Amino acid sequence: MSGAEPQLLEGLALDGRSSDPAAVDLIAVVGATGTGKSEFALAIAEQLARSGRPAEIVNADAMQLYRGMDIGTAKLSVAERRGVPHHQLDVLDVTDEASVAAYQGDARADVERVTGSGAVALLVGGSGLYVSSVLFDLAFPGTDPELRARLEHEHAELGPGVLVERLRALDPAAAAGVDQRNPRRLIRALEIASRSEAVTPSLPSAPRAWRPARILHLHRERTGLVASLHERAARMFDRGLVDEVAALRDHGLEQGKTARAAIGYAQALDVLHGRATRDDAVEATAVATRKYARRQISWFKRYADAEVLDVTGTDLAGLREAARRIVP
C-alpha cells in the first residue's frame, strides 16, 4: 500500500479504482485474524447475487483446511455459510502436513472452475503465503522426505542452533526471517535452502499477478484488535475447544506436525496434558494470536494494489453496509 493510511468506510473506491465488481472475477478479502473477513466476504457474495452474479468462496486459511478443526479456526458451519458454496475447507486430515505448493494448485483450480462457470471467486483468508500463492506468481519446491527426515533427526538430537547456523550459511535472508522456535518452519527453510532449484518462498518486493484480481484488505486499529483477540480466545474455550481437541486426539492430532501446532490447539493440548489451566491456555492463545496478527499485518502491508478498508469499531451490520458500497 506504499505507506498509505487506511481509508474510512465512506471512501471505499480508492485511488481512482473502479468499484464495479464486474471488472474482475477474482476478489481477495484479506486481513489479520479478527477483522471480519468471513462475514464481509459472505456479504459481498450476497450482494453480488442480488446484482445477478453468483459468487463462491475459496478458503485461504491454512488451518481451516483441516477436518474437525472448527472452533479454534473460527470455521463457518454449513448453516453459517448461508448457501454460498465454499472450497478448500475440510480437505486434510489432522495427520496430514499442509503444503502451500499443493494448496496453490488446488485453490487455483477452484478459482478457474468458479470463474469458468461465470461466477465470481472470492479468495478469503489471513494465511499470507497461501493467499499470495494464488494471487501472485510464486514457485514452491517439492518436498524431499529423506532430507526432511535427516533434518528432523538432527533437530531432535542436536537442537535448533546447528540448523540455524547451517541455514544462515546457505541463505542468510531465510535465516533472518524464519521463526527459529518453530521446528517445522526451521526445518522446511533449511530443506529449501539445501536444494539447488530456484524458488520464491516469500513475497517478492514487486510480485507479478497470476491473473487480474481486486484485493480488499480489512484493517482494524491495534488497540481494538488486541482486545477483540483476547475475547476471541476466551470464546473458543467457552465453546468447547478443549473437547474438540480431545476428540481430534483420537484421529491422530498429536501425530500431525502442522495441525497440532495450530494456535489454540497447542494450548488446549497443554490443558489436556495437565501442563496448563484453562485460564493459562486462554492467555497463551491470546498472546500467540496477537503475535500472529502482527505478522499478518506486516505481510498484507506489502500488497501495493490492495484497497485498505478501515473497519475499526464496525459491527456485522457495518460490514454488510460496507459490502453494499463495494458492490453497488
Protein backbone atom coordinates (compact mmCIF):
# COMPACT_ATOMS: atom_id res chain seq x y z
CA MET A 1 0.00 0.00 0.00
CA SER A 2 3.08 2.18 -0.29
CA GLY A 3 2.65 3.55 3.22
CA ALA A 4 -0.85 4.87 2.56
CA GLU A 5 -3.09 5.30 5.57
CA PRO A 6 -6.21 3.08 5.76
CA GLN A 7 -9.27 4.65 4.22
CA LEU A 8 -12.55 5.03 6.09
CA LEU A 9 -15.65 3.12 5.03
CA GLU A 10 -17.02 6.29 3.46
CA GLY A 11 -14.31 6.10 0.80
CA LEU A 12 -14.26 2.53 -0.38
CA ALA A 13 -13.39 3.19 -4.03
CA LEU A 14 -9.73 4.09 -3.56
CA ASP A 15 -7.09 5.78 -5.69
CA GLY A 16 -9.46 6.22 -8.61
CA ARG A 17 -10.10 2.47 -8.93
CA SER A 18 -13.46 1.41 -10.24
CA SER A 19 -15.76 -0.06 -7.61
CA ASP A 20 -17.51 -2.08 -10.33
CA PRO A 21 -17.04 -5.77 -9.40
CA ALA A 22 -17.73 -6.76 -13.00
CA ALA A 23 -14.22 -5.53 -13.85
CA VAL A 24 -12.70 -8.69 -12.31
CA ASP A 25 -13.93 -12.17 -11.48
CA LEU A 26 -11.45 -12.78 -8.63
CA ILE A 27 -11.77 -10.75 -5.42
CA ALA A 28 -9.50 -11.38 -2.45
CA VAL A 29 -10.61 -10.48 1.08
CA VAL A 30 -7.55 -10.42 3.33
CA GLY A 31 -6.52 -9.11 6.73
CA ALA A 32 -5.47 -10.10 10.20
CA THR A 33 -7.34 -12.51 12.42
CA GLY A 34 -10.43 -10.91 13.94
CA THR A 35 -11.09 -8.30 11.26
CA GLY A 36 -14.34 -9.87 10.00
CA LYS A 37 -13.16 -11.37 6.70
CA SER A 38 -15.67 -14.24 6.65
CA GLU A 39 -18.73 -12.09 7.28
CA PHE A 40 -17.55 -9.42 4.86
CA ALA A 41 -16.98 -11.99 2.12
CA LEU A 42 -20.42 -13.52 2.66
CA ALA A 43 -21.98 -10.07 2.47
CA ILE A 44 -20.15 -9.40 -0.81
CA ALA A 45 -21.30 -12.77 -2.19
CA GLU A 46 -24.90 -12.00 -1.28
CA GLN A 47 -24.68 -8.52 -2.75
CA LEU A 48 -23.20 -9.92 -5.96
CA ALA A 49 -26.07 -12.42 -6.15
CA ARG A 50 -28.56 -9.57 -5.87
CA SER A 51 -26.83 -7.87 -8.80
CA GLY A 52 -27.18 -11.02 -10.87
CA ARG A 53 -23.70 -12.54 -10.42
CA PRO A 54 -23.24 -15.69 -8.32
CA ALA A 55 -20.14 -15.94 -6.17
CA GLU A 56 -18.27 -18.76 -4.44
CA ILE A 57 -15.67 -18.60 -1.68
CA VAL A 58 -12.23 -20.21 -1.81
CA ASN A 59 -10.71 -20.53 1.66
CA ALA A 60 -7.18 -19.22 2.21
CA ASP A 61 -6.81 -20.01 5.92
CA ALA A 62 -4.28 -22.84 6.24
CA MET A 63 -5.78 -24.29 9.42
CA GLN A 64 -9.32 -24.36 8.01
CA LEU A 65 -8.08 -26.93 5.52
CA TYR A 66 -8.26 -29.49 8.34
CA ARG A 67 -11.32 -31.61 9.03
CA GLY A 68 -12.58 -31.28 12.58
CA MET A 69 -10.61 -28.13 13.37
CA ASP A 70 -13.63 -25.87 13.61
CA ILE A 71 -13.85 -23.96 16.88
CA GLY A 72 -10.20 -22.95 17.07
CA THR A 73 -10.13 -21.76 13.45
CA ALA A 74 -13.50 -19.93 13.59
CA LYS A 75 -14.61 -22.02 10.63
CA LEU A 76 -18.14 -21.24 9.49
CA SER A 77 -20.62 -24.08 9.87
CA VAL A 78 -22.60 -25.15 6.81
CA ALA A 79 -25.60 -23.17 8.09
CA GLU A 80 -23.45 -20.07 8.69
CA ARG A 81 -22.29 -20.15 5.05
CA ARG A 82 -25.81 -19.04 4.07
CA GLY A 83 -25.92 -21.11 0.92
CA VAL A 84 -22.72 -19.67 -0.55
CA PRO A 85 -20.52 -22.52 -1.88
CA HIS A 86 -17.15 -22.81 -0.12
CA HIS A 87 -14.00 -24.55 -1.37
CA GLN A 88 -10.77 -25.64 0.35
CA LEU A 89 -12.44 -26.39 3.68
CA ASP A 90 -12.05 -29.78 5.38
CA VAL A 91 -9.74 -31.21 2.74
CA LEU A 92 -6.99 -32.55 5.04
CA ASP A 93 -6.82 -34.98 7.95
CA VAL A 94 -5.10 -33.71 11.09
CA THR A 95 -2.26 -36.15 10.44
CA ASP A 96 -1.55 -34.55 7.05
CA GLU A 97 1.06 -31.85 6.63
CA ALA A 98 -0.30 -28.75 4.91
CA SER A 99 1.64 -27.83 1.79
CA VAL A 100 1.38 -24.38 0.24
CA ALA A 101 2.56 -25.83 -3.07
CA ALA A 102 -0.30 -28.35 -3.12
CA TYR A 103 -2.74 -25.69 -1.95
CA GLN A 104 -1.67 -23.34 -4.73
CA GLY A 105 -2.59 -25.86 -7.41
CA ASP A 106 -5.84 -26.92 -5.78
CA ALA A 107 -7.04 -23.39 -4.95
CA ARG A 108 -6.21 -22.05 -8.39
CA ALA A 109 -8.12 -24.95 -9.94
CA ASP A 110 -11.11 -23.99 -7.78
CA VAL A 111 -10.82 -20.35 -8.87
CA GLU A 112 -10.74 -21.39 -12.52
CA ARG A 113 -13.76 -23.67 -12.12
CA VAL A 114 -15.73 -20.92 -10.38
CA THR A 115 -14.86 -18.18 -12.85
CA GLY A 116 -15.26 -20.56 -15.79
CA SER A 117 -18.88 -21.04 -14.75
CA GLY A 118 -19.47 -17.29 -14.90
CA ALA A 119 -19.33 -16.75 -11.13
CA VAL A 120 -17.03 -14.54 -9.06
CA ALA A 121 -14.38 -16.29 -6.96
CA LEU A 122 -13.83 -14.77 -3.51
CA LEU A 123 -10.44 -15.76 -2.07
CA VAL A 124 -10.81 -15.29 1.68
CA GLY A 125 -8.27 -15.76 4.45
CA GLY A 126 -5.39 -14.47 6.50
CA SER A 127 -2.63 -17.01 5.80
CA GLY A 128 -0.35 -14.65 3.91
CA LEU A 129 1.72 -17.13 1.94
CA TYR A 130 -1.37 -19.14 0.99
CA VAL A 131 -3.19 -16.04 -0.24
CA SER A 132 -0.10 -14.91 -2.14
CA SER A 133 0.41 -18.33 -3.71
CA VAL A 134 -2.91 -17.88 -5.51
CA LEU A 135 -2.70 -14.17 -6.33
CA PHE A 136 0.92 -14.00 -7.46
CA ASP A 137 3.43 -15.99 -9.49
CA LEU A 138 5.24 -17.74 -6.65
CA ALA A 139 7.09 -21.02 -7.20
CA PHE A 140 7.48 -23.62 -4.47
CA PRO A 141 9.76 -26.64 -4.32
CA GLY A 142 8.51 -30.11 -3.65
CA THR A 143 9.49 -31.99 -0.52
CA ASP A 144 12.41 -34.37 -0.06
CA PRO A 145 11.27 -36.96 2.51
CA GLU A 146 14.78 -38.33 3.12
CA LEU A 147 16.32 -34.90 3.64
CA ARG A 148 13.38 -33.87 5.82
CA ALA A 149 13.82 -36.98 8.00
CA ARG A 150 17.55 -36.30 8.44
CA LEU A 151 16.91 -32.69 9.43
CA GLU A 152 14.20 -33.70 11.88
CA HIS A 153 16.59 -36.21 13.46
CA GLU A 154 19.32 -33.57 13.73
CA HIS A 155 16.92 -31.12 15.30
CA ALA A 156 15.83 -33.69 17.87
CA GLU A 157 19.40 -34.77 18.66
CA LEU A 158 21.33 -31.50 18.40
CA GLY A 159 18.73 -28.78 18.87
CA PRO A 160 17.89 -25.84 16.62
CA GLY A 161 21.21 -23.99 16.90
CA VAL A 162 23.09 -26.24 14.48
CA LEU A 163 20.31 -25.99 11.90
CA VAL A 164 20.09 -22.21 12.27
CA GLU A 165 23.83 -21.82 11.64
CA ARG A 166 23.65 -24.05 8.56
CA LEU A 167 20.66 -22.10 7.25
CA ARG A 168 22.48 -18.83 7.87
CA ALA A 169 25.41 -20.07 5.75
CA LEU A 170 23.14 -21.22 2.91
CA ASP A 171 20.53 -18.44 2.92
CA PRO A 172 21.11 -15.53 5.32
CA ALA A 173 17.81 -13.86 4.35
CA ALA A 174 15.82 -17.01 5.12
CA ALA A 175 17.67 -17.42 8.43
CA ALA A 176 16.86 -13.84 9.40
CA GLY A 177 13.17 -14.28 8.62
CA VAL A 178 12.40 -17.76 9.92
CA ASP A 179 10.87 -18.36 13.35
CA GLN A 180 13.75 -20.28 14.90
CA ARG A 181 11.50 -21.51 17.73
CA ASN A 182 9.21 -23.25 15.24
CA PRO A 183 10.89 -26.58 14.32
CA ARG A 184 8.62 -27.22 11.34
CA ARG A 185 9.37 -23.86 9.73
CA LEU A 186 13.08 -24.01 10.52
CA ILE A 187 13.41 -27.48 9.03
CA ARG A 188 11.39 -26.54 5.95
CA ALA A 189 13.52 -23.43 5.39
CA LEU A 190 16.71 -25.48 5.63
CA GLU A 191 15.26 -28.15 3.35
CA ILE A 192 14.56 -25.49 0.70
CA ALA A 193 17.95 -23.83 1.15
CA SER A 194 19.73 -27.19 0.84
CA ARG A 195 18.27 -27.82 -2.60
CA SER A 196 19.51 -26.32 -5.82
CA GLU A 197 16.33 -25.25 -7.60
CA ALA A 198 15.48 -21.56 -7.63
CA VAL A 199 12.34 -20.79 -5.65
CA THR A 200 10.50 -17.77 -4.27
CA PRO A 201 9.19 -18.93 -0.87
CA SER A 202 8.30 -15.40 0.24
CA LEU A 203 6.55 -12.43 -1.33
CA PRO A 204 8.87 -10.53 -3.70
CA SER A 205 9.04 -6.73 -3.48
CA ALA A 206 7.23 -6.46 -6.84
CA PRO A 207 5.18 -9.63 -7.27
CA ARG A 208 3.64 -10.42 -10.64
CA ALA A 209 -0.08 -11.15 -10.60
CA TRP A 210 -1.33 -14.59 -11.61
CA ARG A 211 -4.47 -13.03 -13.08
CA PRO A 212 -6.39 -9.76 -12.57
CA ALA A 213 -7.78 -9.53 -9.06
CA ARG A 214 -9.26 -6.96 -6.73
CA ILE A 215 -7.75 -7.10 -3.24
CA LEU A 216 -9.73 -5.81 -0.25
CA HIS A 217 -7.63 -5.53 2.90
CA LEU A 218 -9.61 -5.21 6.13
CA HIS A 219 -7.87 -3.19 8.83
CA ARG A 220 -8.66 -2.61 12.50
CA GLU A 221 -6.74 -0.27 14.76
CA ARG A 222 -4.38 -2.16 17.04
CA THR A 223 -5.99 -1.16 20.35
CA GLY A 224 -9.39 -2.51 19.36
CA LEU A 225 -7.93 -5.56 17.68
CA VAL A 226 -5.90 -6.61 20.74
CA ALA A 227 -8.97 -6.55 22.99
CA SER A 228 -11.06 -8.47 20.47
CA LEU A 229 -8.40 -11.15 20.08
CA HIS A 230 -8.40 -11.88 23.82
CA GLU A 231 -12.18 -12.12 23.77
CA ARG A 232 -11.91 -14.40 20.73
CA ALA A 233 -9.54 -16.75 22.57
CA ALA A 234 -11.84 -16.93 25.61
CA ARG A 235 -14.84 -17.57 23.35
CA MET A 236 -13.13 -20.53 21.73
CA PHE A 237 -12.52 -22.21 25.06
CA ASP A 238 -16.05 -21.37 26.21
CA ARG A 239 -17.43 -23.03 23.09
CA GLY A 240 -15.62 -26.28 23.73
CA LEU A 241 -12.19 -26.07 22.15
CA VAL A 242 -10.69 -28.45 24.70
CA ASP A 243 -13.38 -31.03 23.93
CA GLU A 244 -12.79 -30.58 20.20
CA VAL A 245 -9.07 -31.17 20.69
CA ALA A 246 -9.73 -34.20 22.87
CA ALA A 247 -11.81 -35.71 20.06
CA LEU A 248 -9.15 -34.88 17.48
CA ARG A 249 -6.53 -36.70 19.53
CA ASP A 250 -8.40 -39.89 18.67
CA HIS A 251 -7.85 -39.04 15.00
CA GLY A 252 -4.11 -38.54 15.41
CA LEU A 253 -3.85 -34.82 16.14
CA GLU A 254 -0.68 -35.23 18.16
CA GLN A 255 0.98 -37.05 15.28
CA GLY A 256 0.21 -34.22 12.86
CA LYS A 257 3.19 -31.88 12.53
CA THR A 258 1.15 -28.91 11.32
CA ALA A 259 -2.25 -29.30 12.95
CA ARG A 260 -1.01 -29.95 16.50
CA ALA A 261 0.93 -26.66 16.47
CA ALA A 262 -2.04 -24.52 15.43
CA ILE A 263 -2.82 -21.60 17.72
CA GLY A 264 -5.38 -22.67 20.30
CA TYR A 265 -4.87 -26.36 19.60
CA ALA A 266 -1.38 -26.49 21.08
CA GLN A 267 -2.66 -24.63 24.15
CA ALA A 268 -5.69 -26.92 24.51
CA LEU A 269 -3.36 -29.92 24.34
CA ASP A 270 -1.44 -28.41 27.27
CA VAL A 271 -4.71 -28.35 29.25
CA LEU A 272 -5.43 -31.98 28.40
CA HIS A 273 -1.92 -32.99 29.46
CA GLY A 274 -2.19 -31.05 32.72
CA ARG A 275 0.54 -28.62 31.74
CA ALA A 276 -1.73 -25.58 31.89
CA THR A 277 -5.02 -24.42 33.36
CA ARG A 278 -7.85 -23.20 31.16
CA ASP A 279 -7.06 -19.58 32.09
CA ASP A 280 -3.38 -20.13 31.27
CA ALA A 281 -4.37 -21.59 27.90
CA VAL A 282 -6.68 -18.68 27.08
CA GLU A 283 -3.95 -16.17 27.85
CA ALA A 284 -1.32 -18.12 25.90
CA THR A 285 -3.69 -18.40 22.95
CA ALA A 286 -4.41 -14.66 23.04
CA VAL A 287 -0.70 -13.83 23.15
CA ALA A 288 0.08 -16.20 20.26
CA THR A 289 -2.82 -14.79 18.24
CA ARG A 290 -1.63 -11.21 18.78
CA LYS A 291 1.85 -12.15 17.55
CA TYR A 292 0.35 -13.88 14.53
CA ALA A 293 -1.84 -10.87 13.79
CA ARG A 294 1.24 -8.64 13.78
CA ARG A 295 2.86 -10.90 11.19
CA GLN A 296 -0.32 -10.85 9.11
CA ILE A 297 -0.48 -7.06 9.21
CA SER A 298 3.15 -6.84 8.13
CA TRP A 299 2.58 -9.31 5.31
CA PHE A 300 -0.50 -7.66 3.83
CA LYS A 301 1.04 -4.19 4.03
CA ARG A 302 3.18 -5.30 1.10
CA TYR A 303 0.13 -5.67 -1.16
CA ALA A 304 0.68 -2.42 -3.02
CA ASP A 305 -2.55 -2.57 -5.03
CA ALA A 306 -4.86 -3.52 -2.17
CA GLU A 307 -7.78 -1.33 -1.18
CA VAL A 308 -7.49 -0.82 2.58
CA LEU A 309 -10.83 -0.67 4.38
CA ASP A 310 -10.74 0.57 7.96
CA VAL A 311 -13.34 -1.48 9.82
CA THR A 312 -12.31 -0.35 13.32
CA GLY A 313 -15.38 -0.42 15.55
CA THR A 314 -17.54 -1.84 12.76
CA ASP A 315 -20.11 -4.49 13.73
CA LEU A 316 -21.74 -7.10 11.48
CA ALA A 317 -24.29 -4.60 10.21
CA GLY A 318 -21.46 -2.22 9.34
CA LEU A 319 -19.60 -4.93 7.42
CA ARG A 320 -22.75 -5.67 5.42
CA GLU A 321 -23.16 -1.98 4.66
CA ALA A 322 -19.54 -1.86 3.52
CA ALA A 323 -20.23 -4.77 1.16
CA ARG A 324 -23.16 -2.88 -0.31
CA ARG A 325 -20.83 0.01 -1.07
CA ILE A 326 -18.29 -2.33 -2.63
CA VAL A 327 -20.99 -3.94 -4.80
CA PRO A 328 -23.49 -1.18 -5.65
